[in-house]
Amino acid sequence: MTSSRSIGSASRTALAVLIAAVAAAVIAWPGVGHARKRLVVLEFTGPKASDFQDDLEKILKKKHSLVPVAKWDAAADDLGATKLTDANVKRIAAKLNVDGVIIGKTEKRGARYYLHLKLRAGASGKVLAEPEVIEKSPESVAYLKDRVLDAAS
């Protein structure tokens, strides 16, 4: 009997690794470990991007408040700050009282998905972390997911 791996399985596996990377950056962020922070997850780009983004948002909602992308876009338009520079991110985040911004791009090479992320601080607009996540084996998903959720508590 042969088994095949679905894209959904690859998506969940890569998501677990993605969550671990983002959680590590968010937890290392000063003062984030104990407070409920306001985050914006901007639209991911690339293949299956919406699947990865949806799963990440579900996990983040458990410990943080998510600001809708529509509010971010409206504030950016109001301020004339549509390009993601340090100064523009800082201005928009200050207007919306946002602590962090997550930007993502997915890429598929063969059977693997690569996620390129940026976590920006709302206070400064500076990039705090830029993890590149490569989809791993399904066996590591449960372990990583448990560690991320424990660490985010």
C-alpha atoms as a PDB file:
ATOM      1  CA  MET A   1       0.000   0.000   0.000  1.00  0.00           C
ATOM      2  CA  THR A   2       1.371   3.355  -0.925  1.00  0.00           C
ATOM      3  CA  SER A   3       0.594   6.576   0.768  1.00  0.00           C
ATOM      4  CA  SER A   4       0.588  10.026  -0.676  1.00  0.00           C
ATOM      5  CA  ARG A   5       1.049  13.328   1.020  1.00  0.00           C
ATOM      6  CA  SER A   6      -1.544  15.911   0.324  1.00  0.00           C
ATOM      7  CA  ILE A   7      -0.872  19.590  -0.092  1.00  0.00           C
ATOM      8  CA  GLY A   8      -2.916  20.148   3.040  1.00  0.00           C
ATOM      9  CA  SER A   9      -0.494  17.968   4.997  1.00  0.00           C
ATOM     10  CA  ALA A  10       2.456  19.893   3.605  1.00  0.00           C
ATOM     11  CA  SER A  11       0.685  23.107   4.498  1.00  0.00           C
ATOM     12  CA  ARG A  12       0.114  22.028   8.109  1.00  0.00           C
ATOM     13  CA  THR A  13       3.698  20.819   8.448  1.00  0.00           C
ATOM     14  CA  ALA A  14       5.163  24.031   7.133  1.00  0.00           C
ATOM     15  CA  LEU A  15       2.753  25.995   9.282  1.00  0.00           C
ATOM     16  CA  ALA A  16       3.974  24.308  12.444  1.00  0.00           C
ATOM     17  CA  VAL A  17       7.525  25.304  11.626  1.00  0.00           C
ATOM     18  CA  LEU A  18       6.345  28.785  10.681  1.00  0.00           C
ATOM     19  CA  ILE A  19       4.519  29.174  13.962  1.00  0.00           C
ATOM     20  CA  ALA A  20       7.605  28.072  15.857  1.00  0.00           C
ATOM     21  CA  ALA A  21       9.723  30.719  14.120  1.00  0.00           C
ATOM     22  CA  VAL A  22       7.184  33.516  14.570  1.00  0.00           C
ATOM     23  CA  ALA A  23       6.479  32.558  18.171  1.00  0.00           C
ATOM     24  CA  ALA A  24      10.177  32.546  18.985  1.00  0.00           C
ATOM     25  CA  ALA A  25      10.528  36.048  17.546  1.00  0.00           C
ATOM     26  CA  VAL A  26       7.388  37.325  19.276  1.00  0.00           C
ATOM     27  CA  ILE A  27       8.373  35.811  22.617  1.00  0.00           C
ATOM     28  CA  ALA A  28      11.894  37.244  22.376  1.00  0.00           C
ATOM     29  CA  TRP A  29      10.359  40.663  21.752  1.00  0.00           C
ATOM     30  CA  PRO A  30      10.628  42.754  24.948  1.00  0.00           C
ATOM     31  CA  GLY A  31       7.478  42.614  27.043  1.00  0.00           C
ATOM     32  CA  VAL A  32       5.542  40.366  24.684  1.00  0.00           C
ATOM     33  CA  GLY A  33       5.675  37.193  26.746  1.00  0.00           C
ATOM     34  CA  HIS A  34       3.070  38.326  29.284  1.00  0.00           C
ATOM     35  CA  ALA A  35       0.898  40.859  27.514  1.00  0.00           C
ATOM     36  CA  ARG A  36      -1.743  40.431  24.850  1.00  0.00           C
ATOM     37  CA  LYS A  37      -0.262  42.266  21.868  1.00  0.00           C
ATOM     38  CA  ARG A  38      -2.021  43.745  18.868  1.00  0.00           C
ATOM     39  CA  LEU A  39      -0.675  42.273  15.637  1.00  0.00           C
ATOM     40  CA  VAL A  40      -1.396  42.685  11.957  1.00  0.00           C
ATOM     41  CA  VAL A  41      -0.829  39.795   9.556  1.00  0.00           C
ATOM     42  CA  LEU A  42      -0.590  41.384   6.129  1.00  0.00           C
ATOM     43  CA  GLU A  43      -1.717  39.412   3.098  1.00  0.00           C
ATOM     44  CA  PHE A  44       0.723  36.591   2.331  1.00  0.00           C
ATOM     45  CA  THR A  45       1.679  36.143  -1.317  1.00  0.00           C
ATOM     46  CA  GLY A  46       2.529  33.024  -3.294  1.00  0.00           C
ATOM     47  CA  PRO A  47       1.072  29.539  -3.764  1.00  0.00           C
ATOM     48  CA  LYS A  48      -1.268  28.372  -0.989  1.00  0.00           C
ATOM     49  CA  ALA A  49      -0.524  31.641   0.820  1.00  0.00           C
ATOM     50  CA  SER A  50      -4.054  32.080   2.127  1.00  0.00           C
ATOM     51  CA  ASP A  51      -3.984  28.584   3.692  1.00  0.00           C
ATOM     52  CA  PHE A  52      -0.767  29.327   5.565  1.00  0.00           C
ATOM     53  CA  GLN A  53      -2.011  32.763   6.598  1.00  0.00           C
ATOM     54  CA  ASP A  54      -5.369  31.459   7.845  1.00  0.00           C
ATOM     55  CA  ASP A  55      -3.714  28.776   9.948  1.00  0.00           C
ATOM     56  CA  LEU A  56      -1.201  31.237  11.402  1.00  0.00           C
ATOM     57  CA  GLU A  57      -3.963  33.702  12.287  1.00  0.00           C
ATOM     58  CA  LYS A  58      -5.951  30.982  14.078  1.00  0.00           C
ATOM     59  CA  ILE A  59      -2.957  30.207  16.276  1.00  0.00           C
ATOM     60  CA  LEU A  60      -2.095  33.866  16.925  1.00  0.00           C
ATOM     61  CA  LYS A  61      -5.689  34.717  17.899  1.00  0.00           C
ATOM     62  CA  LYS A  62      -5.386  32.458  20.927  1.00  0.00           C
ATOM     63  CA  LYS A  63      -2.861  34.755  22.634  1.00  0.00           C
ATOM     64  CA  HIS A  64      -2.940  38.059  20.713  1.00  0.00           C
ATOM     65  CA  SER A  65      -5.411  40.522  19.226  1.00  0.00           C
ATOM     66  CA  LEU A  66      -5.356  40.701  15.443  1.00  0.00           C
ATOM     67  CA  VAL A  67      -6.075  43.970  13.694  1.00  0.00           C
ATOM     68  CA  PRO A  68      -7.889  43.480  10.366  1.00  0.00           C
ATOM     69  CA  VAL A  69      -5.840  44.087   7.233  1.00  0.00           C
ATOM     70  CA  ALA A  70      -8.602  46.398   5.964  1.00  0.00           C
ATOM     71  CA  LYS A  71      -7.940  48.770   8.884  1.00  0.00           C
ATOM     72  CA  TRP A  72      -4.208  48.683   8.172  1.00  0.00           C
ATOM     73  CA  ASP A  73      -4.796  49.430   4.478  1.00  0.00           C
ATOM     74  CA  ALA A  74      -7.205  52.275   5.264  1.00  0.00           C
ATOM     75  CA  ALA A  75      -4.738  53.856   7.693  1.00  0.00           C
ATOM     76  CA  ALA A  76      -1.927  53.479   5.158  1.00  0.00           C
ATOM     77  CA  ASP A  77      -4.024  55.226   2.511  1.00  0.00           C
ATOM     78  CA  ASP A  78      -4.966  58.027   4.927  1.00  0.00           C
ATOM     79  CA  LEU A  79      -1.314  58.605   5.802  1.00  0.00           C
ATOM     80  CA  GLY A  80      -0.045  58.179   2.237  1.00  0.00           C
ATOM     81  CA  ALA A  81       2.176  55.382   3.507  1.00  0.00           C
ATOM     82  CA  THR A  82       1.460  52.449   1.222  1.00  0.00           C
ATOM     83  CA  LYS A  83       5.087  51.303   0.856  1.00  0.00           C
ATOM     84  CA  LEU A  84       6.397  49.126   3.714  1.00  0.00           C
ATOM     85  CA  THR A  85       9.349  51.137   4.977  1.00  0.00           C
ATOM     86  CA  ASP A  86      10.458  51.410   8.592  1.00  0.00           C
ATOM     87  CA  ALA A  87       9.063  54.934   8.888  1.00  0.00           C
ATOM     88  CA  ASN A  88       5.733  54.063   7.252  1.00  0.00           C
ATOM     89  CA  VAL A  89       5.219  50.966   9.385  1.00  0.00           C
ATOM     90  CA  LYS A  90       5.971  53.024  12.491  1.00  0.00           C
ATOM     91  CA  ARG A  91       3.456  55.734  11.483  1.00  0.00           C
ATOM     92  CA  ILE A  92       0.652  53.314  10.652  1.00  0.00           C
ATOM     93  CA  ALA A  93       1.291  51.182  13.736  1.00  0.00           C
ATOM     94  CA  ALA A  94       1.196  54.272  15.947  1.00  0.00           C
ATOM     95  CA  LYS A  95      -2.130  55.351  14.451  1.00  0.00           C
ATOM     96  CA  LEU A  96      -3.670  51.902  15.010  1.00  0.00           C
ATOM     97  CA  ASN A  97      -1.828  51.111  18.268  1.00  0.00           C
ATOM     98  CA  VAL A  98      -0.282  47.981  16.725  1.00  0.00           C
ATOM     99  CA  ASP A  99       2.643  46.209  18.394  1.00  0.00           C
ATOM    100  CA  GLY A 100       3.825  44.111  15.460  1.00  0.00           C
ATOM    101  CA  VAL A 101       3.390  43.429  11.766  1.00  0.00           C
ATOM    102  CA  ILE A 102       3.898  40.041  10.113  1.00  0.00           C
ATOM    103  CA  ILE A 103       4.545  39.853   6.372  1.00  0.00           C
ATOM    104  CA  GLY A 104       4.799  36.557   4.510  1.00  0.00           C
ATOM    105  CA  LYS A 105       5.559  35.114   1.112  1.00  0.00           C
ATOM    106  CA  THR A 106       5.283  31.458   0.124  1.00  0.00           C
ATOM    107  CA  GLU A 107       7.227  29.715  -2.565  1.00  0.00           C
ATOM    108  CA  LYS A 108       6.939  26.166  -3.861  1.00  0.00           C
ATOM    109  CA  ARG A 109       9.997  24.263  -5.041  1.00  0.00           C
ATOM    110  CA  GLY A 110       9.238  20.692  -5.968  1.00  0.00           C
ATOM    111  CA  ALA A 111       7.192  19.131  -3.184  1.00  0.00           C
ATOM    112  CA  ARG A 112       8.325  21.618  -0.536  1.00  0.00           C
ATOM    113  CA  TYR A 113       6.959  24.967   0.483  1.00  0.00           C
ATOM    114  CA  TYR A 114       9.258  27.760   1.579  1.00  0.00           C
ATOM    115  CA  LEU A 115       7.896  30.567   3.704  1.00  0.00           C
ATOM    116  CA  HIS A 116       9.748  33.854   3.884  1.00  0.00           C
ATOM    117  CA  LEU A 117       8.569  35.932   6.821  1.00  0.00           C
ATOM    118  CA  LYS A 118       9.275  39.306   8.318  1.00  0.00           C
ATOM    119  CA  LEU A 119       8.252  40.352  11.790  1.00  0.00           C
ATOM    120  CA  ARG A 120       8.370  44.129  12.241  1.00  0.00           C
ATOM    121  CA  ALA A 121       8.096  46.028  15.504  1.00  0.00           C
ATOM    122  CA  GLY A 122       5.239  48.514  15.565  1.00  0.00           C
ATOM    123  CA  ALA A 123       7.128  51.018  17.719  1.00  0.00           C
ATOM    124  CA  SER A 124      10.107  51.362  15.383  1.00  0.00           C
ATOM    125  CA  GLY A 125       9.054  49.728  12.131  1.00  0.00           C
ATOM    126  CA  LYS A 126      12.334  47.783  12.174  1.00  0.00           C
ATOM    127  CA  VAL A 127      12.535  44.145  11.119  1.00  0.00           C
ATOM    128  CA  LEU A 128      12.915  41.987  14.242  1.00  0.00           C
ATOM    129  CA  ALA A 129      13.196  38.624  12.502  1.00  0.00           C
ATOM    130  CA  GLU A 130      13.256  37.208   8.981  1.00  0.00           C
ATOM    131  CA  PRO A 131      12.904  33.453   9.309  1.00  0.00           C
ATOM    132  CA  GLU A 132      12.802  31.244   6.238  1.00  0.00           C
ATOM    133  CA  VAL A 133      10.802  28.149   6.937  1.00  0.00           C
ATOM    134  CA  ILE A 134      11.079  24.955   4.926  1.00  0.00           C
ATOM    135  CA  GLU A 135       8.316  22.364   5.207  1.00  0.00           C
ATOM    136  CA  LYS A 136       9.463  19.494   7.429  1.00  0.00           C
ATOM    137  CA  SER A 137       8.270  15.953   8.059  1.00  0.00           C
ATOM    138  CA  PRO A 138       4.790  15.378   9.541  1.00  0.00           C
ATOM    139  CA  GLU A 139       6.294  13.712  12.631  1.00  0.00           C
ATOM    140  CA  SER A 140       7.683  17.057  13.822  1.00  0.00           C
ATOM    141  CA  VAL A 141       4.367  18.912  13.619  1.00  0.00           C
ATOM    142  CA  ALA A 142       2.834  17.853  16.938  1.00  0.00           C
ATOM    143  CA  TYR A 143       6.055  18.445  18.842  1.00  0.00           C
ATOM    144  CA  LEU A 144       6.620  21.910  17.406  1.00  0.00           C
ATOM    145  CA  LYS A 145       2.997  22.939  17.811  1.00  0.00           C
ATOM    146  CA  ASP A 146       3.014  21.942  21.499  1.00  0.00           C
ATOM    147  CA  ARG A 147       6.257  23.812  22.164  1.00  0.00           C
ATOM    148  CA  VAL A 148       4.998  26.954  20.422  1.00  0.00           C
ATOM    149  CA  LEU A 149       1.715  27.017  22.322  1.00  0.00           C
ATOM    150  CA  ASP A 150       3.493  26.362  25.644  1.00  0.00           C
ATOM    151  CA  ALA A 151       6.048  29.090  24.991  1.00  0.00           C
ATOM    152  CA  ALA A 152       3.366  31.608  23.997  1.00  0.00           C
ATOM    153  CA  SER A 153       1.518  31.124  27.281  1.00  0.00           C
END
